[in-house]
Amino acid sequence: MIDKINAGIDLITKNFGELYAGRTYLLAGEKDTAKTTFVLQYLYQGLKEGNTCLLVANQPPRDLVIHAEVMGMDLTPYFLDGTLLVYETVRKEKYPLVPLFQELEKIIAGNPASRFAFEGLDQLLARPGQPEVLIEGVTAFLKNLEKAKATTVITLSLPIAQEMLLLKKTLEDLSTGSFLLNATEADRVRSFSVKKLIGSRIAFGTVQFTVEPGRGIVQMARDVLKYPRAEEAPARREAPAPSGAPTEHHKAAARRAISFPRPAAGGPKAVPVPARAGAEEGPLRRFWFPRPKDN
């Protein structure tokens, strides 16, 4: 039987159940729809359970610490004891895709985390005119996550750039679950929708929530899941393929994997600690939380 984990978000656990461990979940939404709060609560749950967690962030890690504190989560002890590992993205536009995927693989292989989160993956990987490299790299990337047996949440920003439609389609096809966050007409109210969730008795549905200081994601008190059972939901109509949708050639490319250098026999080796200053900067940089000074 496949193990499950607590997502750390009551809205998900209450309505859709726990998440399958070691699988990948996609979370897409526009700006200010609480993607960051979802990711932080998901990681915080793992930290509280004594697990090591890793986040690749597309915003300053210090801002994440402040955001978490406002939502009632103190991340500082986990930074200091090394159970929360954060890499911030740098040189987004200049770094070639293949070395970038190699760097991601090194991070996955070298850090024994049980929960991963990749924030704004579309922004990190945005490279016009390289669909084959992108899809081959993403496919291999997801396979490496599966080998690591870590549960992973990947966020995408909406509206997504035209060249990233193929990335979104590939991630949706290969992930175990796909969630969508939307803003609503009501002030400060957002909606959480399930577009795909393998293994759940509920195929898809929508609930509304707010984000409250000290509490984080809070389901609206009077709101209930729109479709309590999959058989009650209306049939979904397939939307026409958007411009840039995968061709047969791209689908074939997605079934292949880039051959990245593998760790030597005997198990993965720890990633060397990057120099904090002076060294040539790669696409990702480890964030070091400053330790308090002794009195």
Protein backbone atom coordinates (compact mmCIF):
# COMPACT_ATOMS: atom_id res chain seq x y z
CA MET A 1 0.00 0.00 0.00
CA ILE A 2 1.32 3.46 -0.94
CA ASP A 3 1.93 5.75 2.01
CA LYS A 4 0.11 9.06 2.30
CA ILE A 5 1.10 12.36 3.91
CA ASN A 6 -0.73 15.23 5.53
CA ALA A 7 -0.56 18.23 3.18
CA GLY A 8 -0.69 20.61 6.15
CA ILE A 9 -3.68 22.38 4.64
CA ASP A 10 -7.05 21.53 6.19
CA LEU A 11 -8.88 22.57 3.03
CA ILE A 12 -7.18 19.77 1.09
CA THR A 13 -7.26 17.11 3.82
CA LYS A 14 -10.90 17.75 4.77
CA ASN A 15 -12.28 17.70 1.23
CA PHE A 16 -9.92 15.53 -0.79
CA GLY A 17 -7.93 13.46 1.70
CA GLU A 18 -4.19 13.07 2.19
CA LEU A 19 -1.63 13.20 -0.61
CA TYR A 20 0.23 10.15 -1.89
CA ALA A 21 3.83 10.16 -0.68
CA GLY A 22 6.57 10.32 -3.27
CA ARG A 23 4.35 11.83 -5.97
CA THR A 24 4.28 15.21 -7.73
CA TYR A 25 1.49 17.78 -7.49
CA LEU A 26 0.99 20.88 -9.64
CA LEU A 27 -0.39 24.15 -8.24
CA ALA A 28 -1.18 26.94 -10.73
CA GLY A 29 -2.62 30.37 -10.07
CA GLU A 30 -2.45 34.06 -10.79
CA LYS A 31 -0.59 36.54 -8.63
CA ASP A 32 -2.04 37.02 -5.13
CA THR A 33 -3.96 33.74 -5.09
CA ALA A 34 -1.94 32.35 -2.13
CA LYS A 35 0.42 29.98 -3.95
CA THR A 36 3.26 30.89 -1.60
CA THR A 37 1.10 30.33 1.49
CA PHE A 38 0.07 26.89 0.23
CA VAL A 39 3.72 25.94 -0.36
CA LEU A 40 4.87 27.19 3.04
CA GLN A 41 2.11 25.36 4.92
CA TYR A 42 2.88 22.17 3.01
CA LEU A 43 6.57 22.39 3.93
CA TYR A 44 5.87 23.49 7.51
CA GLN A 45 3.79 20.38 8.12
CA GLY A 46 6.72 18.22 7.07
CA LEU A 47 9.13 20.19 9.26
CA LYS A 48 6.87 19.78 12.29
CA GLU A 49 6.85 16.03 11.66
CA GLY A 50 10.66 16.00 11.81
CA ASN A 51 11.31 15.73 8.08
CA THR A 52 13.87 17.54 5.97
CA CYS A 53 12.28 19.82 3.38
CA LEU A 54 13.72 21.65 0.38
CA LEU A 55 12.40 24.72 -1.43
CA VAL A 56 13.63 26.26 -4.69
CA ALA A 57 12.26 29.80 -4.44
CA ASN A 58 11.80 32.52 -7.04
CA GLN A 59 11.62 35.26 -4.42
CA PRO A 60 14.02 36.41 -1.69
CA PRO A 61 14.14 33.76 1.09
CA ARG A 62 14.09 36.47 3.77
CA ASP A 63 10.71 37.59 2.41
CA LEU A 64 9.47 34.00 2.73
CA VAL A 65 10.52 33.95 6.38
CA ILE A 66 8.51 37.12 7.01
CA HIS A 67 5.51 35.81 5.05
CA ALA A 68 5.54 32.57 7.03
CA GLU A 69 5.77 34.40 10.35
CA VAL A 70 2.73 36.53 9.47
CA MET A 71 0.83 33.31 8.76
CA GLY A 72 1.81 31.81 12.10
CA MET A 73 4.78 29.69 11.00
CA ASP A 74 8.23 30.18 12.55
CA LEU A 75 10.77 28.83 10.06
CA THR A 76 13.88 30.15 11.80
CA PRO A 77 14.62 27.05 13.94
CA TYR A 78 14.41 24.83 10.86
CA PHE A 79 16.80 27.03 8.90
CA LEU A 80 19.27 26.93 11.77
CA ASP A 81 19.17 23.16 12.30
CA GLY A 82 19.43 22.45 8.58
CA THR A 83 16.10 20.67 8.13
CA LEU A 84 14.79 23.46 5.86
CA LEU A 85 16.96 23.91 2.79
CA VAL A 86 16.25 26.85 0.49
CA TYR A 87 17.79 27.62 -2.89
CA GLU A 88 17.06 30.93 -4.53
CA THR A 89 17.08 31.33 -8.32
CA VAL A 90 19.68 33.60 -9.90
CA ARG A 91 20.73 34.29 -13.48
CA LYS A 92 17.30 33.20 -14.74
CA GLU A 93 17.63 34.58 -18.26
CA LYS A 94 21.25 33.71 -19.10
CA TYR A 95 21.72 30.15 -17.93
CA PRO A 96 21.25 27.41 -20.61
CA LEU A 97 18.53 24.84 -19.99
CA VAL A 98 20.65 21.67 -19.97
CA PRO A 99 23.09 22.89 -17.25
CA LEU A 100 20.09 24.19 -15.33
CA PHE A 101 18.44 20.76 -15.33
CA GLN A 102 21.78 19.22 -14.32
CA GLU A 103 21.95 21.62 -11.39
CA LEU A 104 18.42 20.68 -10.33
CA GLU A 105 19.35 16.99 -10.48
CA LYS A 106 22.40 17.57 -8.27
CA ILE A 107 20.23 19.33 -5.71
CA ILE A 108 17.67 16.49 -5.72
CA ALA A 109 20.33 13.75 -5.47
CA GLY A 110 22.41 15.50 -2.85
CA ASN A 111 19.74 16.52 -0.37
CA PRO A 112 17.81 13.73 1.42
CA ALA A 113 14.57 15.69 1.76
CA SER A 114 11.18 14.03 2.00
CA ARG A 115 9.28 17.11 0.76
CA PHE A 116 10.29 19.28 -2.18
CA ALA A 117 8.71 22.48 -3.47
CA PHE A 118 9.62 24.34 -6.65
CA GLU A 119 8.16 27.82 -6.77
CA GLY A 120 7.45 29.44 -10.15
CA LEU A 121 9.04 26.67 -12.22
CA ASP A 122 7.76 28.25 -15.44
CA GLN A 123 9.67 31.46 -14.70
CA LEU A 124 12.86 29.54 -13.99
CA LEU A 125 12.64 27.48 -17.19
CA ALA A 126 11.29 30.12 -19.61
CA ARG A 127 13.42 29.86 -22.76
CA PRO A 128 11.76 30.67 -26.11
CA GLY A 129 12.36 28.35 -29.04
CA GLN A 130 13.60 25.29 -27.12
CA PRO A 131 10.53 23.02 -26.76
CA GLU A 132 12.34 19.69 -27.19
CA VAL A 133 15.06 20.48 -24.66
CA LEU A 134 12.44 21.80 -22.25
CA ILE A 135 10.16 18.76 -22.40
CA GLU A 136 12.97 16.21 -22.32
CA GLY A 137 14.49 18.00 -19.33
CA VAL A 138 11.19 18.26 -17.44
CA THR A 139 10.41 14.58 -18.06
CA ALA A 140 13.82 13.54 -16.70
CA PHE A 141 13.42 16.01 -13.82
CA LEU A 142 10.13 14.40 -12.73
CA LYS A 143 11.64 10.92 -13.01
CA ASN A 144 14.48 11.99 -10.72
CA LEU A 145 11.97 13.32 -8.19
CA GLU A 146 10.18 9.97 -8.27
CA LYS A 147 13.48 8.13 -7.69
CA ALA A 148 14.16 10.38 -4.70
CA LYS A 149 10.81 9.22 -3.23
CA ALA A 150 10.03 12.78 -2.16
CA THR A 151 6.58 14.34 -2.31
CA THR A 152 6.79 17.42 -4.51
CA VAL A 153 4.69 20.53 -5.10
CA ILE A 154 5.42 22.62 -8.20
CA THR A 155 3.82 26.02 -8.69
CA LEU A 156 3.17 27.78 -11.99
CA SER A 157 2.20 31.40 -12.54
CA LEU A 158 -0.86 32.35 -14.57
CA PRO A 159 -1.42 33.63 -17.18
CA ILE A 160 1.33 31.43 -18.50
CA ALA A 161 3.58 32.58 -21.32
CA GLN A 162 2.88 31.10 -24.76
CA GLU A 163 6.17 29.20 -24.87
CA MET A 164 5.35 27.62 -21.50
CA LEU A 165 2.04 26.03 -22.55
CA LEU A 166 3.88 22.85 -23.48
CA LEU A 167 5.54 22.80 -20.05
CA LYS A 168 2.17 23.16 -18.31
CA LYS A 169 0.65 20.39 -20.43
CA THR A 170 3.56 18.03 -19.71
CA LEU A 171 3.46 18.69 -15.97
CA GLU A 172 -0.30 18.15 -15.87
CA ASP A 173 0.03 14.84 -17.75
CA LEU A 174 2.82 13.49 -15.54
CA SER A 175 1.66 14.73 -12.14
CA THR A 176 -0.55 12.84 -9.68
CA GLY A 177 -2.64 15.93 -8.93
CA SER A 178 -3.28 19.31 -10.55
CA PHE A 179 -4.78 22.21 -8.56
CA LEU A 180 -5.89 25.67 -9.66
CA LEU A 181 -6.13 28.83 -7.53
CA ASN A 182 -8.33 31.72 -8.61
CA ALA A 183 -9.32 35.11 -7.25
CA THR A 184 -13.07 35.71 -6.89
CA GLU A 185 -15.19 38.82 -7.12
CA ALA A 186 -15.51 38.94 -3.35
CA ASP A 187 -12.79 40.87 -1.55
CA ARG A 188 -9.96 38.64 -0.28
CA VAL A 189 -11.79 35.43 -1.21
CA ARG A 190 -10.05 32.89 -3.43
CA SER A 191 -11.06 29.54 -4.84
CA PHE A 192 -9.22 26.20 -4.83
CA SER A 193 -10.12 23.79 -7.65
CA VAL A 194 -9.00 20.23 -8.27
CA LYS A 195 -8.48 19.51 -11.96
CA LYS A 196 -6.88 16.10 -11.51
CA LEU A 197 -6.30 13.90 -8.46
CA ILE A 198 -5.36 10.28 -9.06
CA GLY A 199 -6.55 7.87 -6.40
CA SER A 200 -9.18 10.17 -4.91
CA ARG A 201 -12.89 9.32 -4.77
CA ILE A 202 -13.46 12.95 -5.79
CA ALA A 203 -12.39 13.58 -9.37
CA PHE A 204 -12.58 17.35 -9.15
CA GLY A 205 -14.34 20.15 -7.30
CA THR A 206 -14.02 23.70 -6.01
CA VAL A 207 -14.01 25.31 -2.55
CA GLN A 208 -13.54 28.91 -1.48
CA PHE A 209 -11.05 30.13 1.10
CA THR A 210 -9.44 33.19 2.64
CA VAL A 211 -5.91 33.85 3.88
CA GLU A 212 -5.83 35.00 7.49
CA PRO A 213 -2.82 36.23 9.51
CA GLY A 214 -1.80 33.68 12.10
CA ARG A 215 -3.88 30.93 10.44
CA GLY A 216 -2.96 30.85 6.76
CA ILE A 217 -5.40 29.06 4.42
CA VAL A 218 -8.89 28.98 5.91
CA GLN A 219 -11.90 27.47 4.12
CA MET A 220 -14.97 29.70 4.07
CA ALA A 221 -17.23 28.65 6.95
CA ARG A 222 -20.36 28.32 4.83
CA ASP A 223 -18.68 26.94 1.74
CA VAL A 224 -18.83 23.25 0.88
CA LEU A 225 -17.21 21.23 -1.85
CA LYS A 226 -19.09 21.95 -5.05
CA TYR A 227 -19.19 18.30 -6.16
CA PRO A 228 -19.07 15.93 -3.16
CA ARG A 229 -18.93 12.91 -5.44
CA ALA A 230 -17.36 12.55 -8.85
CA GLU A 231 -20.51 11.05 -10.36
CA GLU A 232 -22.47 14.20 -9.49
CA ALA A 233 -20.15 16.47 -11.43
CA PRO A 234 -21.17 17.50 -14.93
CA ALA A 235 -19.16 16.01 -17.75
CA ARG A 236 -16.07 18.02 -18.54
CA ARG A 237 -15.76 19.30 -22.08
CA GLU A 238 -12.34 19.09 -23.64
CA ALA A 239 -11.10 22.52 -24.64
CA PRO A 240 -9.57 22.88 -28.10
CA ALA A 241 -5.80 22.51 -28.13
CA PRO A 242 -4.19 25.94 -27.70
CA SER A 243 -1.63 27.30 -30.08
CA GLY A 244 1.66 25.74 -29.11
CA ALA A 245 0.04 22.50 -27.90
CA PRO A 246 2.33 19.45 -28.13
CA THR A 247 2.71 17.90 -31.56
CA GLU A 248 3.36 14.20 -32.10
CA HIS A 249 7.04 15.07 -32.40
CA HIS A 250 6.99 16.80 -29.02
CA LYS A 251 5.06 13.96 -27.42
CA ALA A 252 7.71 11.54 -28.64
CA ALA A 253 10.40 13.80 -27.22
CA ALA A 254 8.60 13.85 -23.89
CA ARG A 255 8.93 10.06 -23.67
CA ARG A 256 12.69 10.31 -23.80
CA ALA A 257 14.96 11.54 -21.05
CA ILE A 258 18.12 13.59 -21.19
CA SER A 259 21.07 11.47 -20.17
CA PHE A 260 22.52 13.37 -17.24
CA PRO A 261 25.71 12.25 -15.47
CA ARG A 262 24.74 9.94 -12.60
CA PRO A 263 26.30 9.77 -9.13
CA ALA A 264 28.99 7.14 -8.62
CA ALA A 265 28.03 3.69 -7.37
CA GLY A 266 27.32 3.44 -3.70
CA GLY A 267 24.53 5.99 -3.47
CA PRO A 268 24.19 9.71 -4.06
CA LYS A 269 26.87 11.98 -2.68
CA ALA A 270 26.11 15.18 -0.87
CA VAL A 271 26.19 18.31 -3.00
CA PRO A 272 29.34 20.31 -2.24
CA VAL A 273 28.50 23.42 -0.25
CA PRO A 274 28.70 26.36 -2.67
CA ALA A 275 31.09 29.18 -1.90
CA ARG A 276 29.31 32.09 -0.28
CA ALA A 277 31.30 34.71 -2.13
CA GLY A 278 33.76 35.06 -4.97
CA ALA A 279 32.86 31.93 -6.94
CA GLU A 280 31.17 31.95 -10.36
CA GLU A 281 27.44 31.92 -9.73
CA GLY A 282 25.26 29.13 -11.08
CA PRO A 283 21.51 29.21 -11.71
CA LEU A 284 20.64 28.34 -8.10
CA ARG A 285 22.21 29.50 -4.85
CA ARG A 286 21.85 28.05 -1.35
CA PHE A 287 20.40 30.51 1.15
CA TRP A 288 22.13 30.68 4.52
CA PHE A 289 20.09 32.00 7.41
CA PRO A 290 22.23 34.22 9.67
CA ARG A 291 22.82 32.71 13.09
CA PRO A 292 22.08 34.92 16.11
CA LYS A 293 25.14 36.46 17.69
CA ASP A 294 26.19 35.29 21.13
CA ASN A 295 25.70 37.82 23.90
